[in-house]
Protein backbone atom coordinates (compact mmCIF):
# COMPACT_ATOMS: atom_id res chain seq x y z
CA UNK A 1 -21.01 -76.12 22.96
CA UNK A 2 -19.69 -75.65 19.40
CA UNK A 3 -19.05 -71.44 19.67
CA UNK A 4 -16.53 -69.99 18.95
CA UNK A 5 -15.63 -66.10 20.14
CA UNK A 6 -14.20 -63.79 17.08
CA UNK A 7 -12.03 -62.97 16.92
CA UNK A 8 -10.56 -66.52 17.98
CA UNK A 9 -7.00 -65.86 17.73
CA UNK A 10 -4.83 -62.87 18.66
CA UNK A 11 -0.88 -62.14 18.57
CA UNK A 12 1.18 -59.50 20.36
CA UNK A 13 4.63 -58.24 18.75
CA UNK A 14 7.08 -55.67 19.21
CA UNK A 15 8.92 -53.87 17.81
CA UNK A 16 12.01 -50.85 17.99
CA UNK A 17 11.66 -47.42 16.78
CA UNK A 18 13.45 -44.64 16.72
CA UNK A 19 11.79 -41.04 17.72
CA UNK A 20 12.63 -37.64 17.37
CA UNK A 21 10.05 -35.46 19.31
CA UNK A 22 12.91 -34.40 21.75
CA UNK A 23 14.39 -32.64 20.06
CA UNK A 24 11.36 -30.22 19.40
CA UNK A 25 12.14 -28.23 22.54
CA UNK A 26 15.36 -27.62 20.95
CA UNK A 27 13.88 -24.64 19.84
CA UNK A 28 10.33 -23.83 20.05
CA UNK A 29 9.73 -21.26 17.62
CA UNK A 30 13.03 -19.08 18.30
CA UNK A 31 12.48 -20.85 21.76
CA UNK A 32 15.43 -22.06 23.38
CA UNK A 33 13.55 -24.85 25.32
CA UNK A 34 15.56 -27.76 26.61
CA UNK A 35 14.85 -27.32 30.47
CA UNK A 36 11.09 -28.52 29.24
CA UNK A 37 13.14 -32.30 28.33
CA UNK A 38 13.27 -33.39 31.42
CA UNK A 39 10.10 -33.14 32.59
CA UNK A 40 8.58 -34.51 29.14
CA UNK A 41 11.36 -37.17 29.41
CA UNK A 42 10.60 -38.60 32.74
CA UNK A 43 6.41 -38.91 31.57
CA UNK A 44 7.72 -40.76 28.79
CA UNK A 45 9.92 -43.10 30.84
CA UNK A 46 7.30 -43.99 33.61
CA UNK A 47 3.89 -43.91 31.00
CA UNK A 48 3.48 -46.14 28.69
CA UNK A 49 1.81 -44.15 25.19
CA UNK A 50 -0.88 -44.98 23.14
CA UNK A 51 0.22 -43.45 19.92
CA UNK A 52 0.26 -44.30 15.75
CA UNK A 53 3.90 -45.05 15.02
CA UNK A 54 4.66 -44.27 11.59
CA UNK A 55 6.63 -47.24 9.35
CA UNK A 56 9.56 -45.32 8.70
CA UNK A 57 10.41 -44.98 12.07
CA UNK A 58 10.94 -48.76 12.74
CA UNK A 59 13.97 -50.05 12.64
CA UNK A 60 14.21 -53.57 13.86
CA UNK A 61 12.03 -56.39 12.80
CA UNK A 62 8.95 -57.16 14.23
CA UNK A 63 8.96 -59.94 16.66
CA UNK A 64 6.40 -62.32 17.96
CA UNK A 65 6.53 -61.75 22.03
CA UNK A 66 2.76 -64.28 22.03
CA UNK A 67 -0.40 -65.87 20.33
CA UNK A 68 -3.42 -66.59 22.08
CA UNK A 69 -6.36 -69.14 20.64
CA UNK A 70 -8.90 -67.23 22.75
CA UNK A 71 -11.37 -69.79 22.96
CA UNK A 72 -9.52 -71.34 25.72
CA UNK A 73 -7.12 -69.53 26.96
CA UNK A 74 -7.75 -67.86 30.88
CA UNK A 75 -7.63 -65.45 32.76
CA UNK A 76 -4.25 -65.58 33.83
CA UNK A 77 -2.86 -66.36 30.99
CA UNK A 78 -3.21 -62.58 30.15
CA UNK A 79 -0.83 -61.54 32.66
CA UNK A 80 2.68 -62.96 30.75
CA UNK A 81 6.42 -63.02 30.41
CA UNK A 82 7.89 -63.28 27.15
CA UNK A 83 11.40 -63.70 25.55
CA UNK A 84 11.95 -61.59 22.16
CA UNK A 85 15.05 -61.23 19.82
CA UNK A 86 15.01 -57.63 17.65
CA UNK A 87 17.58 -56.84 14.88
CA UNK A 88 18.10 -53.85 13.00
CA UNK A 89 16.25 -53.82 10.09
CA UNK A 90 17.83 -54.94 6.14
CA UNK A 91 16.57 -51.87 4.74
CA UNK A 92 17.83 -49.42 6.86
CA UNK A 93 21.75 -49.09 5.22
CA UNK A 94 23.12 -47.09 8.24
CA UNK A 95 25.64 -49.27 10.35
CA UNK A 96 23.39 -48.67 12.59
CA UNK A 97 20.15 -47.65 14.26
CA UNK A 98 19.44 -45.62 17.57
CA UNK A 99 16.73 -47.56 19.65
CA UNK A 100 14.08 -45.34 21.33
CA UNK A 101 11.23 -47.17 22.31
CA UNK A 102 9.68 -50.41 21.94
CA UNK A 103 6.65 -50.76 19.94
CA UNK A 104 3.72 -53.11 20.65
CA UNK A 105 0.64 -53.72 18.70
CA UNK A 106 -1.08 -57.28 18.31
CA UNK A 107 -2.74 -58.89 14.99
CA UNK A 108 -6.21 -61.01 15.15
CA UNK A 109 -7.70 -63.62 12.87
CA UNK A 110 -11.63 -64.82 12.39
CA UNK A 111 -9.82 -68.53 11.56
CA UNK A 112 -11.96 -71.95 11.20
CA UNK A 113 -11.36 -74.00 8.80
CA UNK A 114 -15.54 -74.15 7.95
CA UNK A 115 -15.42 -70.38 7.10
CA UNK A 116 -12.65 -67.72 4.58
CA UNK A 117 -10.15 -66.45 7.13
CA UNK A 118 -10.41 -62.89 7.87
CA UNK A 119 -6.78 -60.60 9.95
CA UNK A 120 -6.14 -57.45 10.61
CA UNK A 121 -3.07 -55.76 12.24
CA UNK A 122 -1.85 -52.90 13.96
CA UNK A 123 0.85 -52.93 13.51
CA UNK A 124 2.70 -49.64 12.60
CA UNK A 125 3.26 -50.93 8.85
CA UNK A 126 -0.82 -51.43 7.64
CA UNK A 127 -3.57 -49.14 8.22
CA UNK A 128 -3.77 -46.74 11.66
CA UNK A 129 -6.81 -47.64 13.27
CA UNK A 130 -8.23 -46.71 16.59
CA UNK A 131 -6.30 -48.93 18.86
CA UNK A 132 -3.12 -47.50 17.97
CA UNK A 133 0.61 -49.23 19.29
CA UNK A 134 1.96 -48.99 22.89
CA UNK A 135 4.93 -47.46 23.43
CA UNK A 136 7.93 -48.03 26.00
CA UNK A 137 10.69 -45.42 26.17
CA UNK A 138 13.98 -46.03 26.77
CA UNK A 139 15.62 -43.24 29.19
CA UNK A 140 16.84 -41.29 26.43
CA UNK A 141 20.17 -40.85 28.51
CA UNK A 142 20.88 -44.44 28.26
CA UNK A 143 19.10 -45.69 24.39
CA UNK A 144 20.56 -47.92 22.74
CA UNK A 145 21.75 -47.93 19.07
CA UNK A 146 21.81 -51.02 17.49
CA UNK A 147 24.62 -52.35 15.22
CA UNK A 148 24.29 -54.35 12.14
CA UNK A 149 25.27 -57.76 12.81
CA UNK A 150 23.79 -57.16 16.45
CA UNK A 151 20.80 -58.39 18.44
CA UNK A 152 18.40 -56.89 21.03
CA UNK A 153 17.90 -59.62 23.47
CA UNK A 154 14.71 -58.64 25.66
CA UNK A 155 11.93 -60.18 28.19
CA UNK A 156 9.11 -58.49 28.98
CA UNK A 157 6.83 -58.78 31.57
CA UNK A 158 3.33 -57.54 30.92
CA UNK A 159 0.81 -57.14 33.81
CA UNK A 160 -2.38 -55.76 35.44
CA UNK A 161 -1.94 -53.50 38.19
CA UNK A 162 -2.23 -54.45 41.93
CA UNK A 163 -4.55 -51.40 42.46
CA UNK A 164 -5.73 -50.86 39.38
CA UNK A 165 -6.78 -54.28 37.38
CA UNK A 166 -7.63 -51.93 34.20
CA UNK A 167 -4.02 -50.15 34.43
CA UNK A 168 -1.10 -52.10 32.92
CA UNK A 169 2.75 -52.47 34.11
CA UNK A 170 5.00 -53.15 32.07
CA UNK A 171 9.08 -55.01 32.85
CA UNK A 172 11.03 -54.98 29.77
CA UNK A 173 15.03 -56.36 30.70
CA UNK A 174 17.21 -55.56 27.33
CA UNK A 175 20.46 -56.45 26.51
CA UNK A 176 22.68 -55.84 23.33
CA UNK A 177 25.77 -57.55 21.69
CA UNK A 178 27.41 -59.82 19.25
CA UNK A 179 24.75 -62.19 17.17
CA UNK A 180 27.13 -63.67 16.02
CA UNK A 181 28.96 -65.13 18.87
CA UNK A 182 29.48 -68.41 20.05
CA UNK A 183 29.05 -66.93 24.00
CA UNK A 184 26.40 -63.82 24.13
CA UNK A 185 28.26 -60.79 25.84
CA UNK A 186 26.32 -57.45 26.35
CA UNK A 187 28.00 -53.95 25.43
CA UNK A 188 25.03 -52.84 26.82
CA UNK A 189 21.71 -53.78 28.99
CA UNK A 190 19.22 -52.46 30.51
CA UNK A 191 15.59 -52.11 31.63
CA UNK A 192 12.49 -50.47 31.29
CA UNK A 193 9.26 -50.07 33.42
CA UNK A 194 6.43 -48.10 32.44
CA UNK A 195 2.54 -48.23 33.26
CA UNK A 196 0.04 -47.90 31.40
CA UNK A 197 -3.04 -45.76 32.71
CA UNK A 198 -6.34 -46.51 31.48
């Protein structure tokens, strides 16, 4: 009755990053292997990847998706939908920033009034953990660039797979437009559909 789950709080976040790994196939030890890109792109766009992302590749803010009180959340809460907004990092001096993928991470807290609070993060900006981060790739054919003064608005739907409850299904609908306009009129939009296999 008076116990607690440790950690007792968890927050999930999303941020945009750039990634040049596809350029590798343009020159593999002097060989042009660009035909391999088709296969690699198919894998990246359909399968979420668990990987460590360097903070230097992050080109947007880190936006909170959802917060859980682990002492009271229910099983059905773990399948969720959340809206988010991403803007180009102020530290990025370039006029535009290509967003190749969306990176999901989480923070946890051990936080009760009678104890000293302790926390850790799996974000790109902290010491890597064995949980790493999860990346959802845009199709490289229409990977967006985020201009200064623009916002990437999106909705992420995350749910356990119907056939295998250990797999996760992700659907992200997104659009980019002028952040200062009185009415939001997207200049580009799309959908990411991806699966994280156990």
